[in-house]
Amino acid sequence: MAVGVNGALWGWGAGSYGQLGLGDHNKRLVPTMVGAEEVFGGSKARTVACGPYHTLVVTEAGELWAYGQGAQGRLGINDEQDRRVPTRVDPLHFSHAPISAIAAGDYHSAAVTAGGNLYTWGKGEANNPGSQLPGGLGHASDLANRLVPTLVPRQLLGGARVGRCHGLPEELALAFAMGTHGGLGSGVGEGQGCLYSEMPAELVKKVVEHCGWRAEELGEGVVRLMGGRRTRGS
């Protein structure tokens, strides 16, 4: 999926669960426009996140839209049905706060609101029956699936809000995101179904300096990023 500078959303690739948002289950071999204001309730698309089987979109109005496979409730629409076109997730689940960031996993989804609250939904159950390994929603020992976005209590996050570097230029933000995933442009590292890659040291340095993060060397070229100054009032 891609968002144009005009706020229009485009999709291509597999569409077997409706995850392209084009109203069918067909694949597309070239970028095909999903739409803009006319699709997203009068607001243009701002950002998009893709899982293997579903897609999440945030509009300029700060609302969340979802489509694709709905099993385990990963769309957040209070059922497990597939959606072939973008469908709005009720803003009431986020206390009507605008969405700042989103992520789409294999079987679950996550969103961060402008106030720094983290919400997760979808598959919370363990992969193997009887296992106590968490399913990825972050709700302590509760392994239940969530059909709608559910707040992760801040005490489970050490009382902290979830933030990001709002002042990071788009070209750095995009390169930073792509550099962490071999399937998104770095072209290296693949194994056991997961993709890893090395981020260019100069890119890491620029991001760290811009966001005011602390970078702790862990050895063998591994860097842990921490902290950060607040920018643009957040």
C-alpha atoms as a PDB file:
ATOM      1  CA  MET A   1       0.000   0.000   0.000  1.00  0.00           C
ATOM      2  CA  ALA A   2       1.109   3.598  -0.595  1.00  0.00           C
ATOM      3  CA  VAL A   3      -0.266   7.040   0.250  1.00  0.00           C
ATOM      4  CA  GLY A   4       0.212   9.781  -2.341  1.00  0.00           C
ATOM      5  CA  VAL A   5       0.972  13.380  -1.453  1.00  0.00           C
ATOM      6  CA  ASN A   6      -2.603  14.148  -2.495  1.00  0.00           C
ATOM      7  CA  GLY A   7      -3.955  11.825   0.215  1.00  0.00           C
ATOM      8  CA  ALA A   8      -5.028   9.067  -2.160  1.00  0.00           C
ATOM      9  CA  LEU A   9      -4.402   5.442  -1.213  1.00  0.00           C
ATOM     10  CA  TRP A  10      -2.999   2.904  -3.693  1.00  0.00           C
ATOM     11  CA  GLY A  11      -2.708  -0.865  -3.365  1.00  0.00           C
ATOM     12  CA  TRP A  12      -1.187  -3.817  -5.195  1.00  0.00           C
ATOM     13  CA  GLY A  13      -0.186  -7.422  -4.525  1.00  0.00           C
ATOM     14  CA  ALA A  14      -2.243 -10.171  -2.919  1.00  0.00           C
ATOM     15  CA  GLY A  15      -5.927  -9.467  -2.316  1.00  0.00           C
ATOM     16  CA  SER A  16      -7.219 -12.874  -1.256  1.00  0.00           C
ATOM     17  CA  TYR A  17      -8.863 -11.491   1.920  1.00  0.00           C
ATOM     18  CA  GLY A  18      -9.782  -8.082   0.563  1.00  0.00           C
ATOM     19  CA  GLN A  19      -6.640  -6.547   2.066  1.00  0.00           C
ATOM     20  CA  LEU A  20      -6.206  -4.203  -0.918  1.00  0.00           C
ATOM     21  CA  GLY A  21      -9.500  -2.473  -0.146  1.00  0.00           C
ATOM     22  CA  LEU A  22     -10.660  -2.649  -3.750  1.00  0.00           C
ATOM     23  CA  GLY A  23     -13.916  -4.486  -3.104  1.00  0.00           C
ATOM     24  CA  ASP A  24     -12.839  -7.909  -4.300  1.00  0.00           C
ATOM     25  CA  HIS A  25     -10.414 -10.780  -3.621  1.00  0.00           C
ATOM     26  CA  ASN A  26      -8.311 -10.302  -6.726  1.00  0.00           C
ATOM     27  CA  LYS A  27      -4.582  -9.611  -6.801  1.00  0.00           C
ATOM     28  CA  ARG A  28      -3.181  -6.539  -8.537  1.00  0.00           C
ATOM     29  CA  LEU A  29       0.100  -6.586 -10.415  1.00  0.00           C
ATOM     30  CA  VAL A  30       0.383  -2.786 -10.586  1.00  0.00           C
ATOM     31  CA  PRO A  31      -0.580   0.003  -8.135  1.00  0.00           C
ATOM     32  CA  THR A  32      -4.335   0.551  -8.249  1.00  0.00           C
ATOM     33  CA  MET A  33      -6.034   3.512  -6.596  1.00  0.00           C
ATOM     34  CA  VAL A  34      -8.318   2.709  -3.670  1.00  0.00           C
ATOM     35  CA  GLY A  35      -9.410   6.325  -3.245  1.00  0.00           C
ATOM     36  CA  ALA A  36      -9.173   9.353  -0.972  1.00  0.00           C
ATOM     37  CA  GLU A  37     -11.897  11.531   0.597  1.00  0.00           C
ATOM     38  CA  GLU A  38     -14.679   9.644  -1.127  1.00  0.00           C
ATOM     39  CA  VAL A  39     -13.530   6.411   0.540  1.00  0.00           C
ATOM     40  CA  PHE A  40     -12.554   7.671   3.998  1.00  0.00           C
ATOM     41  CA  GLY A  41     -15.560   9.688   5.093  1.00  0.00           C
ATOM     42  CA  GLY A  42     -14.459  12.990   3.603  1.00  0.00           C
ATOM     43  CA  SER A  43     -10.869  12.906   4.887  1.00  0.00           C
ATOM     44  CA  LYS A  44      -7.697  12.043   2.965  1.00  0.00           C
ATOM     45  CA  ALA A  45      -5.454   9.121   3.878  1.00  0.00           C
ATOM     46  CA  ARG A  46      -2.414  10.077   5.972  1.00  0.00           C
ATOM     47  CA  THR A  47      -0.618   6.824   6.741  1.00  0.00           C
ATOM     48  CA  VAL A  48      -1.064   3.082   6.228  1.00  0.00           C
ATOM     49  CA  ALA A  49       0.134  -0.130   7.894  1.00  0.00           C
ATOM     50  CA  CYS A  50       0.002  -3.610   6.367  1.00  0.00           C
ATOM     51  CA  GLY A  51      -0.233  -7.035   7.918  1.00  0.00           C
ATOM     52  CA  PRO A  52      -0.103 -10.173   5.756  1.00  0.00           C
ATOM     53  CA  TYR A  53      -3.899 -10.361   5.677  1.00  0.00           C
ATOM     54  CA  HIS A  54      -5.270  -6.979   6.737  1.00  0.00           C
ATOM     55  CA  THR A  55      -4.585  -3.280   6.362  1.00  0.00           C
ATOM     56  CA  LEU A  56      -5.005  -0.245   8.626  1.00  0.00           C
ATOM     57  CA  VAL A  57      -5.284   3.360   7.455  1.00  0.00           C
ATOM     58  CA  VAL A  58      -5.261   6.602   9.444  1.00  0.00           C
ATOM     59  CA  THR A  59      -6.859   9.647   7.847  1.00  0.00           C
ATOM     60  CA  GLU A  60      -5.950  13.292   8.233  1.00  0.00           C
ATOM     61  CA  ALA A  61      -8.923  13.526  10.598  1.00  0.00           C
ATOM     62  CA  GLY A  62      -7.127  11.068  12.890  1.00  0.00           C
ATOM     63  CA  GLU A  63      -9.640   8.284  12.360  1.00  0.00           C
ATOM     64  CA  LEU A  64      -8.791   4.616  11.838  1.00  0.00           C
ATOM     65  CA  TRP A  65     -10.079   2.501   8.966  1.00  0.00           C
ATOM     66  CA  ALA A  66      -9.501  -1.229   8.504  1.00  0.00           C
ATOM     67  CA  TYR A  67     -10.078  -3.917   5.889  1.00  0.00           C
ATOM     68  CA  GLY A  68      -8.998  -7.434   4.954  1.00  0.00           C
ATOM     69  CA  GLN A  69      -9.220 -10.582   7.066  1.00  0.00           C
ATOM     70  CA  GLY A  70     -11.165 -10.144  10.284  1.00  0.00           C
ATOM     71  CA  ALA A  71     -10.350 -13.414  12.099  1.00  0.00           C
ATOM     72  CA  GLN A  72      -9.583 -12.990  15.835  1.00  0.00           C
ATOM     73  CA  GLY A  73     -10.963  -9.454  15.588  1.00  0.00           C
ATOM     74  CA  ARG A  74      -7.809  -7.944  14.076  1.00  0.00           C
ATOM     75  CA  LEU A  75      -9.869  -5.293  12.233  1.00  0.00           C
ATOM     76  CA  GLY A  76     -11.282  -3.879  15.481  1.00  0.00           C
ATOM     77  CA  ILE A  77     -14.852  -3.765  14.156  1.00  0.00           C
ATOM     78  CA  ASN A  78     -16.345  -5.995  16.888  1.00  0.00           C
ATOM     79  CA  ASP A  79     -16.684  -9.119  14.775  1.00  0.00           C
ATOM     80  CA  GLU A  80     -14.508 -11.601  12.878  1.00  0.00           C
ATOM     81  CA  GLN A  81     -15.828 -10.943   9.393  1.00  0.00           C
ATOM     82  CA  ASP A  82     -13.619 -10.001   6.464  1.00  0.00           C
ATOM     83  CA  ARG A  83     -13.986  -6.551   4.920  1.00  0.00           C
ATOM     84  CA  ARG A  84     -13.198  -5.917   1.261  1.00  0.00           C
ATOM     85  CA  VAL A  85     -13.396  -2.129   1.468  1.00  0.00           C
ATOM     86  CA  PRO A  86     -12.116   0.345   4.089  1.00  0.00           C
ATOM     87  CA  THR A  87     -14.406   0.332   7.126  1.00  0.00           C
ATOM     88  CA  ARG A  88     -14.195   2.878   9.930  1.00  0.00           C
ATOM     89  CA  VAL A  89     -13.259   1.672  13.402  1.00  0.00           C
ATOM     90  CA  ASP A  90     -15.543   3.383  15.910  1.00  0.00           C
ATOM     91  CA  PRO A  91     -13.644   6.389  17.395  1.00  0.00           C
ATOM     92  CA  LEU A  92     -15.441   5.707  20.678  1.00  0.00           C
ATOM     93  CA  HIS A  93     -12.984   2.863  21.317  1.00  0.00           C
ATOM     94  CA  PHE A  94     -10.208   5.479  21.451  1.00  0.00           C
ATOM     95  CA  SER A  95     -12.263   7.937  23.514  1.00  0.00           C
ATOM     96  CA  HIS A  96     -12.433   9.984  20.289  1.00  0.00           C
ATOM     97  CA  ALA A  97      -8.700  10.766  20.508  1.00  0.00           C
ATOM     98  CA  PRO A  98      -6.952  11.121  17.122  1.00  0.00           C
ATOM     99  CA  ILE A  99      -4.651   8.297  16.087  1.00  0.00           C
ATOM    100  CA  SER A 100      -0.930   9.075  15.836  1.00  0.00           C
ATOM    101  CA  ALA A 101       0.609   5.724  14.897  1.00  0.00           C
ATOM    102  CA  ILE A 102      -0.547   2.252  13.843  1.00  0.00           C
ATOM    103  CA  ALA A 103       0.892  -1.222  13.366  1.00  0.00           C
ATOM    104  CA  ALA A 104      -0.567  -4.354  11.779  1.00  0.00           C
ATOM    105  CA  GLY A 105       0.815  -7.739  12.799  1.00  0.00           C
ATOM    106  CA  ASP A 106       0.051 -11.223  11.553  1.00  0.00           C
ATOM    107  CA  TYR A 107      -2.982 -11.654  13.797  1.00  0.00           C
ATOM    108  CA  HIS A 108      -3.314  -8.447  15.797  1.00  0.00           C
ATOM    109  CA  SER A 109      -3.227  -4.677  15.476  1.00  0.00           C
ATOM    110  CA  ALA A 110      -2.047  -1.738  17.567  1.00  0.00           C
ATOM    111  CA  ALA A 111      -2.549   2.008  17.625  1.00  0.00           C
ATOM    112  CA  VAL A 112      -1.196   4.936  19.629  1.00  0.00           C
ATOM    113  CA  THR A 113      -3.350   8.000  20.181  1.00  0.00           C
ATOM    114  CA  ALA A 114      -2.184  11.599  20.248  1.00  0.00           C
ATOM    115  CA  GLY A 115      -2.265  11.476  24.039  1.00  0.00           C
ATOM    116  CA  GLY A 116       0.228   8.612  24.124  1.00  0.00           C
ATOM    117  CA  ASN A 117      -2.185   5.779  24.946  1.00  0.00           C
ATOM    118  CA  LEU A 118      -1.556   2.332  23.459  1.00  0.00           C
ATOM    119  CA  TYR A 119      -4.456   0.208  22.203  1.00  0.00           C
ATOM    120  CA  THR A 120      -4.247  -3.364  20.934  1.00  0.00           C
ATOM    121  CA  TRP A 121      -6.764  -5.805  19.505  1.00  0.00           C
ATOM    122  CA  GLY A 122      -6.980  -9.104  17.651  1.00  0.00           C
ATOM    123  CA  LYS A 123      -5.408 -12.372  18.698  1.00  0.00           C
ATOM    124  CA  GLY A 124      -4.430 -12.567  22.341  1.00  0.00           C
ATOM    125  CA  GLU A 125      -4.608 -16.335  22.765  1.00  0.00           C
ATOM    126  CA  ALA A 126      -1.465 -18.444  22.644  1.00  0.00           C
ATOM    127  CA  ASN A 127      -0.659 -20.349  19.470  1.00  0.00           C
ATOM    128  CA  ASN A 128      -0.738 -23.710  21.261  1.00  0.00           C
ATOM    129  CA  PRO A 129      -3.687 -24.723  23.478  1.00  0.00           C
ATOM    130  CA  GLY A 130      -2.695 -24.778  27.124  1.00  0.00           C
ATOM    131  CA  SER A 131       0.351 -22.601  26.564  1.00  0.00           C
ATOM    132  CA  GLN A 132       0.805 -19.560  28.792  1.00  0.00           C
ATOM    133  CA  LEU A 133       2.912 -17.723  26.238  1.00  0.00           C
ATOM    134  CA  PRO A 134       1.211 -14.394  25.493  1.00  0.00           C
ATOM    135  CA  GLY A 135      -0.350 -13.783  22.118  1.00  0.00           C
ATOM    136  CA  GLY A 136       0.995 -10.268  21.727  1.00  0.00           C
ATOM    137  CA  LEU A 137      -1.689  -7.866  23.001  1.00  0.00           C
ATOM    138  CA  GLY A 138       0.160  -6.826  26.148  1.00  0.00           C
ATOM    139  CA  HIS A 139      -2.690  -7.224  28.615  1.00  0.00           C
ATOM    140  CA  ALA A 140      -0.632  -8.877  31.370  1.00  0.00           C
ATOM    141  CA  SER A 141      -1.677 -12.514  31.893  1.00  0.00           C
ATOM    142  CA  ASP A 142      -4.954 -12.068  30.020  1.00  0.00           C
ATOM    143  CA  LEU A 143      -4.738 -14.138  26.820  1.00  0.00           C
ATOM    144  CA  ALA A 144      -8.207 -13.303  25.500  1.00  0.00           C
ATOM    145  CA  ASN A 145      -8.793 -12.138  21.949  1.00  0.00           C
ATOM    146  CA  ARG A 146     -10.019  -8.557  21.577  1.00  0.00           C
ATOM    147  CA  LEU A 147     -12.599  -7.726  18.898  1.00  0.00           C
ATOM    148  CA  VAL A 148     -12.250  -3.979  19.457  1.00  0.00           C
ATOM    149  CA  PRO A 149      -9.312  -1.701  20.341  1.00  0.00           C
ATOM    150  CA  THR A 150      -8.541  -2.132  24.039  1.00  0.00           C
ATOM    151  CA  LEU A 151      -6.397   0.179  26.142  1.00  0.00           C
ATOM    152  CA  VAL A 152      -3.154  -1.256  27.493  1.00  0.00           C
ATOM    153  CA  PRO A 153      -2.980   0.110  31.078  1.00  0.00           C
ATOM    154  CA  ARG A 154      -0.153   2.563  31.546  1.00  0.00           C
ATOM    155  CA  GLN A 155       0.982   0.790  34.704  1.00  0.00           C
ATOM    156  CA  LEU A 156       2.008  -2.105  32.456  1.00  0.00           C
ATOM    157  CA  LEU A 157       4.237   0.386  30.626  1.00  0.00           C
ATOM    158  CA  GLY A 158       5.837   1.695  33.788  1.00  0.00           C
ATOM    159  CA  GLY A 159       3.332   4.531  33.916  1.00  0.00           C
ATOM    160  CA  ALA A 160       4.763   6.075  30.765  1.00  0.00           C
ATOM    161  CA  ARG A 161       2.954   7.447  27.746  1.00  0.00           C
ATOM    162  CA  VAL A 162       3.858   6.077  24.351  1.00  0.00           C
ATOM    163  CA  GLY A 163       5.573   8.704  22.227  1.00  0.00           C
ATOM    164  CA  ARG A 164       7.534   9.254  19.067  1.00  0.00           C
ATOM    165  CA  CYS A 165       9.839  11.845  17.584  1.00  0.00           C
ATOM    166  CA  HIS A 166       7.327  14.168  15.930  1.00  0.00           C
ATOM    167  CA  GLY A 167      10.082  16.347  14.531  1.00  0.00           C
ATOM    168  CA  LEU A 168      11.702  13.604  12.468  1.00  0.00           C
ATOM    169  CA  PRO A 169      11.747  14.649   8.769  1.00  0.00           C
ATOM    170  CA  GLU A 170       9.769  12.383   6.481  1.00  0.00           C
ATOM    171  CA  GLU A 171      12.806  11.268   4.509  1.00  0.00           C
ATOM    172  CA  LEU A 172      14.573  10.152   7.701  1.00  0.00           C
ATOM    173  CA  ALA A 173      11.463   8.536   9.169  1.00  0.00           C
ATOM    174  CA  LEU A 174      10.832   6.502   6.029  1.00  0.00           C
ATOM    175  CA  ALA A 175      14.451   5.407   5.709  1.00  0.00           C
ATOM    176  CA  PHE A 176      14.570   4.564   9.416  1.00  0.00           C
ATOM    177  CA  ALA A 177      11.472   2.352   9.139  1.00  0.00           C
ATOM    178  CA  MET A 178      12.610   0.669   5.938  1.00  0.00           C
ATOM    179  CA  GLY A 179      16.067   0.025   7.346  1.00  0.00           C
ATOM    180  CA  THR A 180      14.688  -2.224  10.065  1.00  0.00           C
ATOM    181  CA  HIS A 181      12.957  -4.690   7.770  1.00  0.00           C
ATOM    182  CA  GLY A 182      14.620  -6.629   4.963  1.00  0.00           C
ATOM    183  CA  GLY A 183      11.390  -6.874   3.002  1.00  0.00           C
ATOM    184  CA  LEU A 184      10.935  -3.102   2.820  1.00  0.00           C
ATOM    185  CA  GLY A 185      13.900  -1.998   0.834  1.00  0.00           C
ATOM    186  CA  SER A 186      17.146  -2.992   2.534  1.00  0.00           C
ATOM    187  CA  GLY A 187      17.408  -6.199   0.532  1.00  0.00           C
ATOM    188  CA  VAL A 188      19.430  -8.209   3.053  1.00  0.00           C
ATOM    189  CA  GLY A 189      18.827 -10.826   5.698  1.00  0.00           C
ATOM    190  CA  GLU A 190      16.140 -13.460   5.668  1.00  0.00           C
ATOM    191  CA  GLY A 191      15.531 -16.564   7.723  1.00  0.00           C
ATOM    192  CA  GLN A 192      12.869 -18.631   9.488  1.00  0.00           C
ATOM    193  CA  GLY A 193      10.091 -16.401   8.206  1.00  0.00           C
ATOM    194  CA  CYS A 194      11.542 -13.261   9.814  1.00  0.00           C
ATOM    195  CA  LEU A 195      13.519 -10.527   8.126  1.00  0.00           C
ATOM    196  CA  TYR A 196      16.358  -8.548   9.641  1.00  0.00           C
ATOM    197  CA  SER A 197      18.841  -6.068   8.303  1.00  0.00           C
ATOM    198  CA  GLU A 198      21.543  -3.674   9.365  1.00  0.00           C
ATOM    199  CA  MET A 199      20.748   0.017   9.392  1.00  0.00           C
ATOM    200  CA  PRO A 200      23.407   2.305   7.934  1.00  0.00           C
ATOM    201  CA  ALA A 201      25.416   3.827  10.781  1.00  0.00           C
ATOM    202  CA  GLU A 202      25.123   7.330   9.306  1.00  0.00           C
ATOM    203  CA  LEU A 203      21.317   7.032   9.219  1.00  0.00           C
ATOM    204  CA  VAL A 204      21.199   5.917  12.852  1.00  0.00           C
ATOM    205  CA  LYS A 205      23.417   8.864  13.807  1.00  0.00           C
ATOM    206  CA  LYS A 206      21.163  11.387  12.048  1.00  0.00           C
ATOM    207  CA  VAL A 207      17.999   9.996  13.657  1.00  0.00           C
ATOM    208  CA  VAL A 208      19.585   9.892  17.124  1.00  0.00           C
ATOM    209  CA  GLU A 209      20.824  13.467  16.848  1.00  0.00           C
ATOM    210  CA  HIS A 210      17.535  14.821  15.534  1.00  0.00           C
ATOM    211  CA  CYS A 211      15.369  13.154  18.168  1.00  0.00           C
ATOM    212  CA  GLY A 212      17.757  13.728  21.055  1.00  0.00           C
ATOM    213  CA  TRP A 213      17.889  10.019  21.845  1.00  0.00           C
ATOM    214  CA  ARG A 214      20.621   8.260  23.757  1.00  0.00           C
ATOM    215  CA  ALA A 215      22.399   5.474  21.900  1.00  0.00           C
ATOM    216  CA  GLU A 216      23.948   2.695  23.953  1.00  0.00           C
ATOM    217  CA  GLU A 217      26.435   0.428  22.213  1.00  0.00           C
ATOM    218  CA  LEU A 218      25.670  -3.219  23.013  1.00  0.00           C
ATOM    219  CA  GLY A 219      28.536  -4.707  21.021  1.00  0.00           C
ATOM    220  CA  GLU A 220      28.868  -6.198  17.565  1.00  0.00           C
ATOM    221  CA  GLY A 221      27.318  -3.119  15.991  1.00  0.00           C
ATOM    222  CA  VAL A 222      24.045  -3.378  17.966  1.00  0.00           C
ATOM    223  CA  VAL A 223      22.710  -0.076  19.289  1.00  0.00           C
ATOM    224  CA  ARG A 224      19.857   0.453  21.751  1.00  0.00           C
ATOM    225  CA  LEU A 225      18.006   3.751  21.387  1.00  0.00           C
ATOM    226  CA  MET A 226      16.547   5.387  24.506  1.00  0.00           C
ATOM    227  CA  GLY A 227      15.018   8.606  25.730  1.00  0.00           C
ATOM    228  CA  GLY A 228      14.439  11.595  23.493  1.00  0.00           C
ATOM    229  CA  ARG A 229      13.474  15.216  23.826  1.00  0.00           C
ATOM    230  CA  ARG A 230       9.940  16.374  23.352  1.00  0.00           C
ATOM    231  CA  THR A 231       9.233  18.164  20.088  1.00  0.00           C
ATOM    232  CA  ARG A 232       6.257  20.131  18.803  1.00  0.00           C
ATOM    233  CA  GLY A 233       4.592  20.118  22.182  1.00  0.00           C
ATOM    234  CA  SER A 234       4.622  16.347  22.619  1.00  0.00           C
END
